[in-house]
Protein backbone atom coordinates (compact mmCIF):
# COMPACT_ATOMS: atom_id res chain seq x y z
CA MET A 1 -36.49 -3.20 1.00
CA VAL A 2 -35.02 -1.64 -2.13
CA VAL A 3 -33.25 -4.91 -2.96
CA GLY A 4 -36.46 -6.80 -2.46
CA VAL A 5 -38.50 -4.68 -4.82
CA ILE A 6 -35.83 -4.67 -7.44
CA PHE A 7 -35.84 -8.42 -7.15
CA VAL A 8 -39.53 -8.40 -7.78
CA ALA A 9 -39.17 -6.23 -10.92
CA SER A 10 -36.36 -8.50 -12.27
CA MET A 11 -38.40 -11.65 -11.46
CA ASN A 12 -41.34 -10.15 -13.43
CA ALA A 13 -39.14 -9.30 -16.37
CA LEU A 14 -37.72 -12.84 -16.31
CA ALA A 15 -41.24 -14.24 -16.24
CA LYS A 16 -42.29 -12.12 -19.21
CA TRP A 17 -39.27 -13.37 -21.13
CA LEU A 18 -40.08 -17.00 -20.36
CA LEU A 19 -43.70 -16.53 -21.36
CA GLN A 20 -42.69 -15.72 -24.89
CA ASP A 21 -41.81 -19.35 -25.41
CA HIS A 22 -43.61 -21.38 -22.73
CA HIS A 23 -47.16 -21.66 -21.30
CA VAL A 24 -48.13 -19.54 -18.40
CA VAL A 25 -48.92 -22.68 -16.31
CA GLN A 26 -45.38 -23.87 -16.67
CA VAL A 27 -43.94 -20.49 -15.74
CA VAL A 28 -46.21 -20.13 -12.69
CA TRP A 29 -45.26 -23.72 -11.69
CA ALA A 30 -41.54 -22.86 -11.81
CA ARG A 31 -42.06 -19.71 -9.83
CA PHE A 32 -44.06 -21.38 -6.87
CA THR A 33 -42.54 -24.79 -6.78
CA GLY A 34 -38.94 -23.35 -6.97
CA HIS A 35 -39.98 -21.01 -4.26
CA PHE A 36 -41.20 -23.80 -2.00
CA ILE A 37 -38.15 -25.96 -2.55
CA VAL A 38 -35.69 -23.09 -1.86
CA VAL A 39 -37.47 -22.04 1.41
CA CYS A 40 -37.46 -25.73 2.61
CA LEU A 41 -33.77 -26.16 1.78
CA ILE A 42 -32.85 -22.99 3.66
CA PHE A 43 -35.11 -23.05 6.66
CA LEU A 44 -36.16 -26.67 7.33
CA PRO A 45 -32.66 -27.76 8.62
CA ARG A 46 -32.63 -24.70 10.91
CA VAL A 47 -36.07 -24.77 12.45
CA GLY A 48 -37.45 -28.26 11.62
CA PHE A 49 -41.04 -28.92 10.87
CA VAL A 50 -42.23 -26.00 13.01
CA LEU A 51 -41.70 -24.12 9.78
CA PHE A 52 -45.12 -25.65 8.61
CA ARG A 53 -46.86 -24.62 11.74
CA SER A 54 -49.13 -21.59 11.23
CA ALA A 55 -51.16 -20.10 14.10
CA ARG A 56 -53.96 -19.44 11.66
CA PRO A 57 -53.83 -22.17 9.03
CA SER A 58 -57.06 -21.16 7.30
CA LEU A 59 -55.81 -17.57 6.87
CA ALA A 60 -52.46 -18.89 5.72
CA PHE A 61 -54.01 -20.93 3.00
CA LEU A 62 -56.34 -18.16 1.96
CA ARG A 63 -53.36 -15.87 1.74
CA SER A 64 -51.40 -18.43 -0.34
CA GLY A 65 -54.29 -18.88 -2.66
CA SER A 66 -54.68 -15.14 -3.18
CA MET A 67 -50.91 -14.88 -4.00
CA PHE A 68 -51.22 -17.74 -6.46
CA ALA A 69 -54.31 -16.27 -8.23
CA SER A 70 -52.65 -12.92 -8.32
CA ASN A 71 -49.52 -14.27 -9.90
CA VAL A 72 -51.42 -16.16 -12.54
CA MET A 73 -53.33 -13.01 -13.58
CA ILE A 74 -50.28 -10.71 -13.56
CA PHE A 75 -48.17 -13.24 -15.57
CA ILE A 76 -51.03 -13.41 -18.13
CA ALA A 77 -51.00 -9.55 -18.21
CA PHE A 78 -47.22 -9.58 -18.77
CA SER A 79 -47.68 -11.86 -21.78
CA LEU A 80 -50.18 -9.39 -23.28
CA MET A 81 -48.92 -5.86 -22.45
CA PRO A 82 -45.72 -3.92 -21.66
CA LEU A 83 -44.07 -4.75 -18.37
CA GLY A 84 -44.17 -1.13 -17.18
CA ASN A 85 -47.90 -0.68 -17.79
CA ALA A 86 -48.80 -3.94 -15.97
CA THR A 87 -46.54 -3.01 -12.98
CA ALA A 88 -48.07 0.52 -12.84
CA ILE A 89 -51.53 -0.95 -12.60
CA ALA A 90 -50.36 -3.43 -9.91
CA MET A 91 -48.97 -0.39 -8.02
CA THR A 92 -52.57 0.45 -7.12
CA THR A 93 -52.36 -2.26 -4.43
CA PRO A 94 -51.20 0.21 -1.57
CA ILE A 95 -54.13 2.49 -2.60
CA LEU A 96 -56.60 -0.47 -2.53
CA VAL A 97 -55.12 -1.57 0.82
CA VAL A 98 -56.02 1.71 2.34
CA LEU A 99 -59.61 1.61 1.06
CA LEU A 100 -60.28 -2.06 1.97
CA ALA A 101 -58.61 -1.87 5.36
CA VAL A 102 -61.68 0.07 6.49
CA PRO A 103 -64.28 -2.79 6.08
CA TRP A 104 -61.61 -5.60 6.38
CA LEU A 105 -59.59 -4.51 9.41
CA GLY A 106 -61.83 -1.86 10.91
CA GLU A 107 -59.37 0.88 10.30
CA LYS A 108 -60.37 4.51 10.08
CA ILE A 109 -59.24 6.87 7.39
CA GLY A 110 -59.82 10.58 6.96
CA PHE A 111 -61.30 12.47 3.96
CA ARG A 112 -57.80 13.46 2.63
CA SER A 113 -56.66 9.86 2.56
CA VAL A 114 -59.81 8.86 0.65
CA ALA A 115 -59.19 11.78 -1.80
CA GLY A 116 -55.67 10.55 -2.33
CA ALA A 117 -56.85 6.97 -2.95
CA ILE A 118 -59.40 8.22 -5.50
CA ALA A 119 -56.64 10.17 -7.26
CA GLY A 120 -54.53 7.02 -7.50
CA LEU A 121 -57.47 5.03 -8.93
CA ALA A 122 -58.02 7.80 -11.47
CA GLY A 123 -54.30 7.37 -12.45
CA ALA A 124 -55.04 3.61 -12.98
CA LEU A 125 -57.94 4.56 -15.23
CA LEU A 126 -55.63 6.71 -17.37
CA ILE A 127 -53.43 3.72 -18.01
CA ILE A 128 -56.37 1.25 -18.54
CA ARG A 129 -58.35 3.67 -20.78
CA PRO A 130 -61.42 1.25 -20.99
CA ASP A 131 -62.46 0.13 -24.38
CA LEU A 132 -63.47 -3.10 -26.02
CA GLY A 133 -60.05 -3.96 -27.45
CA ALA A 134 -57.49 -6.62 -26.35
CA ALA A 135 -55.38 -4.04 -24.63
CA SER A 136 -58.24 -3.12 -22.31
CA PHE A 137 -58.71 -6.84 -21.49
CA ALA A 138 -55.09 -7.12 -20.51
CA ASN A 139 -55.33 -4.02 -18.33
CA LEU A 140 -58.38 -5.44 -16.58
CA ILE A 141 -56.44 -8.62 -15.98
CA ALA A 142 -53.63 -6.55 -14.40
CA LEU A 143 -56.13 -4.74 -12.19
CA GLY A 144 -57.66 -8.00 -11.10
CA ALA A 145 -54.14 -9.14 -10.07
CA ALA A 146 -53.81 -5.98 -8.07
CA LEU A 147 -57.11 -6.66 -6.22
CA LEU A 148 -56.03 -10.24 -5.32
CA TYR A 149 -52.61 -8.89 -4.18
CA THR A 150 -54.42 -6.51 -2.03
CA VAL A 151 -56.18 -9.41 -0.28
CA TYR A 152 -52.79 -10.98 0.10
CA GLN A 153 -51.41 -7.85 1.75
CA LEU A 154 -54.37 -7.49 4.08
CA LEU A 155 -53.96 -11.11 5.25
CA ASN A 156 -50.28 -10.40 5.68
CA ARG A 157 -51.17 -7.70 8.27
CA GLN A 158 -53.35 -10.19 10.12
CA LEU A 159 -50.89 -13.09 10.10
CA ALA A 160 -47.69 -11.04 10.76
CA GLU A 161 -48.58 -10.93 14.42
CA PHE A 162 -48.76 -14.75 14.73
CA ASP A 163 -46.38 -16.40 12.23
CA SER A 164 -42.67 -16.08 11.74
CA PRO A 165 -41.30 -14.55 8.48
CA GLN A 166 -40.01 -18.03 7.48
CA THR A 167 -43.49 -19.59 7.81
CA LEU A 168 -45.09 -16.68 5.98
CA VAL A 169 -42.67 -17.01 3.04
CA LEU A 170 -43.26 -20.84 3.00
CA TYR A 171 -47.08 -20.56 2.93
CA THR A 172 -46.85 -17.95 0.12
CA SER A 173 -45.88 -20.77 -2.19
CA VAL A 174 -47.91 -23.79 -0.93
CA VAL A 175 -51.12 -23.38 -2.93
CA GLY A 176 -49.38 -22.34 -6.15
CA ALA A 177 -46.92 -25.25 -5.91
CA VAL A 178 -49.52 -27.87 -5.23
CA VAL A 179 -52.09 -26.70 -7.88
CA THR A 180 -49.64 -26.15 -10.74
CA SER A 181 -47.71 -29.44 -9.94
CA ALA A 182 -51.12 -31.26 -10.51
CA VAL A 183 -51.74 -29.76 -13.91
CA VAL A 184 -48.24 -28.86 -15.28
CA PRO A 185 -47.83 -32.21 -17.09
CA LEU A 186 -50.55 -31.09 -19.47
CA TYR A 187 -48.64 -28.01 -20.49
CA PHE A 188 -44.95 -28.94 -19.86
CA GLN A 189 -42.38 -28.53 -22.55
CA LEU A 190 -38.63 -28.82 -22.33
CA PRO A 191 -36.99 -25.40 -22.04
CA VAL A 192 -36.03 -24.21 -25.53
CA SER A 193 -32.45 -23.44 -24.64
CA PRO A 194 -29.99 -23.82 -21.60
CA LEU A 195 -30.61 -20.13 -20.94
CA HIS A 196 -34.28 -20.73 -20.57
CA MET A 197 -33.55 -23.63 -18.18
CA ALA A 198 -31.40 -21.32 -16.13
CA GLY A 199 -34.28 -18.83 -16.14
CA PHE A 200 -36.82 -21.39 -14.84
CA LEU A 201 -34.37 -22.22 -11.94
CA LEU A 202 -33.77 -18.69 -11.14
CA LEU A 203 -37.44 -17.76 -11.12
CA GLY A 204 -38.25 -19.73 -7.92
CA VAL A 205 -35.08 -18.59 -6.11
CA MET A 206 -35.89 -14.94 -6.81
CA GLY A 207 -39.49 -15.43 -5.77
CA ALA A 208 -38.50 -16.79 -2.40
CA LEU A 209 -35.87 -14.18 -1.75
CA CYS A 210 -37.99 -11.14 -2.64
CA GLN A 211 -40.87 -12.31 -0.51
CA PHE A 212 -38.60 -12.83 2.44
CA LEU A 213 -36.97 -9.46 2.12
CA VAL A 214 -40.31 -7.62 1.74
CA ILE A 215 -41.87 -9.43 4.75
CA LYS A 216 -38.84 -8.66 6.93
CA ALA A 217 -39.00 -5.03 5.90
CA TYR A 218 -42.61 -4.83 7.00
CA GLN A 219 -41.82 -6.54 10.31
CA ASN A 220 -38.92 -4.21 11.12
CA ALA A 221 -40.34 -0.85 10.07
CA PRO A 222 -43.76 0.80 9.93
CA ALA A 223 -45.76 0.38 6.67
CA SER A 224 -45.72 4.12 6.10
CA VAL A 225 -41.80 3.98 5.86
CA VAL A 226 -41.65 0.84 3.81
CA ALA A 227 -44.48 1.43 1.31
CA PRO A 228 -42.86 4.30 -0.66
CA PHE A 229 -39.97 1.93 -1.62
CA HIS A 230 -42.38 -0.16 -3.69
CA TYR A 231 -42.31 2.59 -6.33
CA VAL A 232 -38.61 1.69 -7.00
CA GLU A 233 -40.16 -1.44 -8.46
CA LEU A 234 -42.06 0.59 -11.02
CA ILE A 235 -38.92 2.51 -12.07
CA ALA A 236 -37.06 -0.74 -12.50
CA ALA A 237 -39.93 -2.35 -14.40
CA VAL A 238 -40.05 0.56 -16.90
CA ALA A 239 -36.27 0.43 -17.29
CA LEU A 240 -36.21 -3.42 -17.79
CA GLY A 241 -39.21 -3.22 -20.06
CA PHE A 242 -37.48 -0.78 -22.36
CA ALA A 243 -34.00 -2.51 -22.14
CA ILE A 244 -35.24 -6.03 -22.77
CA PHE A 245 -38.53 -5.70 -24.79
CA GLY A 246 -38.28 -2.17 -26.31
CA ASP A 247 -41.53 -1.10 -24.46
CA PHE A 248 -41.83 2.49 -23.28
CA PRO A 249 -44.92 4.11 -21.79
CA ASP A 250 -46.71 6.79 -23.80
CA THR A 251 -47.54 10.31 -22.46
CA VAL A 252 -51.03 9.37 -21.08
CA THR A 253 -49.58 6.31 -19.33
CA TRP A 254 -46.94 8.42 -17.72
CA ALA A 255 -49.62 10.77 -16.48
CA GLY A 256 -51.36 7.76 -14.93
CA ILE A 257 -48.08 6.50 -13.41
CA ALA A 258 -47.43 9.98 -11.88
CA LEU A 259 -50.91 10.02 -10.36
CA ILE A 260 -50.51 6.57 -8.87
CA VAL A 261 -47.07 7.29 -7.46
CA CYS A 262 -48.12 10.69 -5.99
CA ALA A 263 -51.22 9.18 -4.43
CA GLY A 264 -49.31 6.29 -2.92
CA LEU A 265 -46.64 8.65 -1.45
CA TYR A 266 -49.25 10.88 -0.05
CA LEU A 267 -51.13 8.01 1.60
CA ALA A 268 -47.81 6.84 3.11
CA TYR A 269 -47.30 10.37 4.41
CA ARG A 270 -50.80 10.48 5.95
CA GLU A 271 -50.24 7.11 7.57
CA ARG A 272 -47.00 8.45 9.14
CA ILE A 273 -48.85 11.47 10.55
CA ARG A 274 -51.55 9.21 11.95
CA LEU A 275 -49.03 6.99 13.69
CA LYS A 276 -47.33 10.03 15.23
CA ARG A 277 -50.54 11.26 16.60
CA ARG A 278 -51.39 7.90 18.08
CA SER A 279 -47.97 7.61 19.72
């Protein structure tokens, strides 16, 4: 799981670097099309066309679409704001999953879990600091990406019982690959250097590998055990943002990050207690 989330942070840093010289459509296209090709090359010879067989195709495509829309929005946010700030806002996903799992999946949560979720959202507001400026717009774009990724995670929970990890990883990329392939000719430009070409090729490989590792982690361990490891991604994103782009969160942003992390860890702790009581 740690390897998977570090891959996610590295992929996001690579995307932000590519976005400095290329249109967001081209970068998203490379991420999803490369992902699709890599998964087909690895798994199609092993399992055949059963790879494309989902037990819940409508949910699989909805999940794929939410992942695609989330990536478009977070990549736009990366082009407008520091990597660490955007990642911190995206880290509200586990908190939003707890809140939305009640109406979506019919789960029950206690008062203390609700209070923890509210504290995490307060941390997000510290980072966003709503105003009418461009920075606030970028923050809201990142929050929209978190909401869409929450939908993706909830659909993951529903589909994990029916589809294999290989099929889940494949369908993660389908909508993004198809939609961006249709429009990328309007925005495509040759990579500005061989290093950028390598970056585009690596983007899809990293996207496929990190999704596979994260899905396998959730299928082999309870969510309450796996979820805290997502915060390694935040540490990696801040470090990469500083090392590559010279960005470092200010004091108020650090306070918001601390609230989000503490709330997320507390919610994972409450989930572990709930599972112990049920067992």
